[in-house]
Amino acid sequence: MVSDNVREMGDRKAFAQKFDKMSVLYEEVVERLHKAYEKSSQNYNLRRRNVDLNAGDFVWENPGAF
């Protein structure tokens, strides 16, 4: 019985250590995803133009877009 309790305590410590590492990894993943989002949005917005359209304006329709 003592060996079972010792093994269980060791498993808890190992789990706690893994859990601490997982929270650190999670934060790093969130940070990297945020940086990737910012970078891709900057690259996309380089080719984007602001266009102000009003009712009755003539626009060029791209028939292949839909």
C-alpha atoms as a PDB file:
ATOM      1  CA  MET A   1       0.000   0.000   0.000  1.00  0.00           C
ATOM      2  CA  VAL A   2       2.802   2.428   0.773  1.00  0.00           C
ATOM      3  CA  SER A   3       4.304   1.969  -2.660  1.00  0.00           C
ATOM      4  CA  ASP A   4       0.925   2.775  -4.263  1.00  0.00           C
ATOM      5  CA  ASN A   5       0.688   6.021  -2.299  1.00  0.00           C
ATOM      6  CA  VAL A   6       4.256   6.992  -3.185  1.00  0.00           C
ATOM      7  CA  ARG A   7       3.632   6.276  -6.866  1.00  0.00           C
ATOM      8  CA  GLU A   8       0.401   8.279  -6.749  1.00  0.00           C
ATOM      9  CA  MET A   9       2.217  11.265  -5.191  1.00  0.00           C
ATOM     10  CA  GLY A  10       4.885  11.040  -7.866  1.00  0.00           C
ATOM     11  CA  ASP A  11       2.226  10.995 -10.558  1.00  0.00           C
ATOM     12  CA  ARG A  12       0.624  14.083  -9.055  1.00  0.00           C
ATOM     13  CA  LYS A  13       3.927  15.937  -8.994  1.00  0.00           C
ATOM     14  CA  ALA A  14       4.681  14.951 -12.571  1.00  0.00           C
ATOM     15  CA  PHE A  15       1.191  16.016 -13.617  1.00  0.00           C
ATOM     16  CA  ALA A  16       1.575  19.347 -11.829  1.00  0.00           C
ATOM     17  CA  GLN A  17       4.895  19.973 -13.566  1.00  0.00           C
ATOM     18  CA  LYS A  18       3.415  19.078 -16.956  1.00  0.00           C
ATOM     19  CA  PHE A  19       0.420  21.299 -16.272  1.00  0.00           C
ATOM     20  CA  ASP A  20       2.708  24.248 -15.472  1.00  0.00           C
ATOM     21  CA  LYS A  21       4.578  23.662 -18.736  1.00  0.00           C
ATOM     22  CA  MET A  22       1.294  23.428 -20.643  1.00  0.00           C
ATOM     23  CA  SER A  23       0.126  26.809 -19.375  1.00  0.00           C
ATOM     24  CA  VAL A  24       3.432  28.370 -20.459  1.00  0.00           C
ATOM     25  CA  LEU A  25       3.137  26.695 -23.859  1.00  0.00           C
ATOM     26  CA  TYR A  26      -0.455  27.868 -24.195  1.00  0.00           C
ATOM     27  CA  GLU A  27       0.575  31.479 -23.567  1.00  0.00           C
ATOM     28  CA  GLU A  28       3.363  31.180 -26.136  1.00  0.00           C
ATOM     29  CA  VAL A  29       0.972  29.730 -28.725  1.00  0.00           C
ATOM     30  CA  VAL A  30      -1.501  32.556 -28.136  1.00  0.00           C
ATOM     31  CA  GLU A  31       1.275  35.130 -28.507  1.00  0.00           C
ATOM     32  CA  ARG A  32       2.589  33.563 -31.715  1.00  0.00           C
ATOM     33  CA  LEU A  33      -0.901  33.330 -33.209  1.00  0.00           C
ATOM     34  CA  HIS A  34      -1.458  36.998 -32.439  1.00  0.00           C
ATOM     35  CA  LYS A  35       1.844  37.944 -34.097  1.00  0.00           C
ATOM     36  CA  ALA A  36       1.025  35.820 -37.164  1.00  0.00           C
ATOM     37  CA  TYR A  37      -2.401  37.466 -37.407  1.00  0.00           C
ATOM     38  CA  GLU A  38      -0.862  40.939 -37.232  1.00  0.00           C
ATOM     39  CA  LYS A  39       1.742  40.093 -39.877  1.00  0.00           C
ATOM     40  CA  SER A  40      -0.757  38.562 -42.296  1.00  0.00           C
ATOM     41  CA  SER A  41      -3.208  41.438 -41.851  1.00  0.00           C
ATOM     42  CA  GLN A  42      -0.432  43.959 -42.594  1.00  0.00           C
ATOM     43  CA  ASN A  43       0.515  42.075 -45.765  1.00  0.00           C
ATOM     44  CA  TYR A  44      -3.122  41.880 -46.851  1.00  0.00           C
ATOM     45  CA  ASN A  45      -3.777  45.547 -46.151  1.00  0.00           C
ATOM     46  CA  LEU A  46      -0.850  46.614 -48.346  1.00  0.00           C
ATOM     47  CA  ARG A  47      -2.924  45.653 -51.401  1.00  0.00           C
ATOM     48  CA  ARG A  48      -6.187  47.033 -50.038  1.00  0.00           C
ATOM     49  CA  ARG A  49      -7.592  50.404 -51.074  1.00  0.00           C
ATOM     50  CA  ASN A  50     -10.181  52.427 -49.239  1.00  0.00           C
ATOM     51  CA  VAL A  51     -13.094  53.091 -51.578  1.00  0.00           C
ATOM     52  CA  ASP A  52     -16.017  55.343 -50.792  1.00  0.00           C
ATOM     53  CA  LEU A  53     -19.040  54.350 -52.863  1.00  0.00           C
ATOM     54  CA  ASN A  54     -22.321  56.163 -52.993  1.00  0.00           C
ATOM     55  CA  ALA A  55     -25.678  55.141 -54.375  1.00  0.00           C
ATOM     56  CA  GLY A  56     -25.701  55.600 -58.152  1.00  0.00           C
ATOM     57  CA  ASP A  57     -21.894  55.290 -58.602  1.00  0.00           C
ATOM     58  CA  PHE A  58     -20.772  53.225 -61.564  1.00  0.00           C
ATOM     59  CA  VAL A  59     -18.611  50.245 -60.611  1.00  0.00           C
ATOM     60  CA  TRP A  60     -16.762  47.600 -62.596  1.00  0.00           C
ATOM     61  CA  GLU A  61     -18.278  44.186 -61.960  1.00  0.00           C
ATOM     62  CA  ASN A  62     -15.996  41.184 -62.160  1.00  0.00           C
ATOM     63  CA  PRO A  63     -18.201  38.377 -63.481  1.00  0.00           C
ATOM     64  CA  GLY A  64     -15.675  35.694 -62.450  1.00  0.00           C
ATOM     65  CA  ALA A  65     -15.724  36.722 -58.791  1.00  0.00           C
ATOM     66  CA  PHE A  66     -19.041  35.075 -57.976  1.00  0.00           C
END
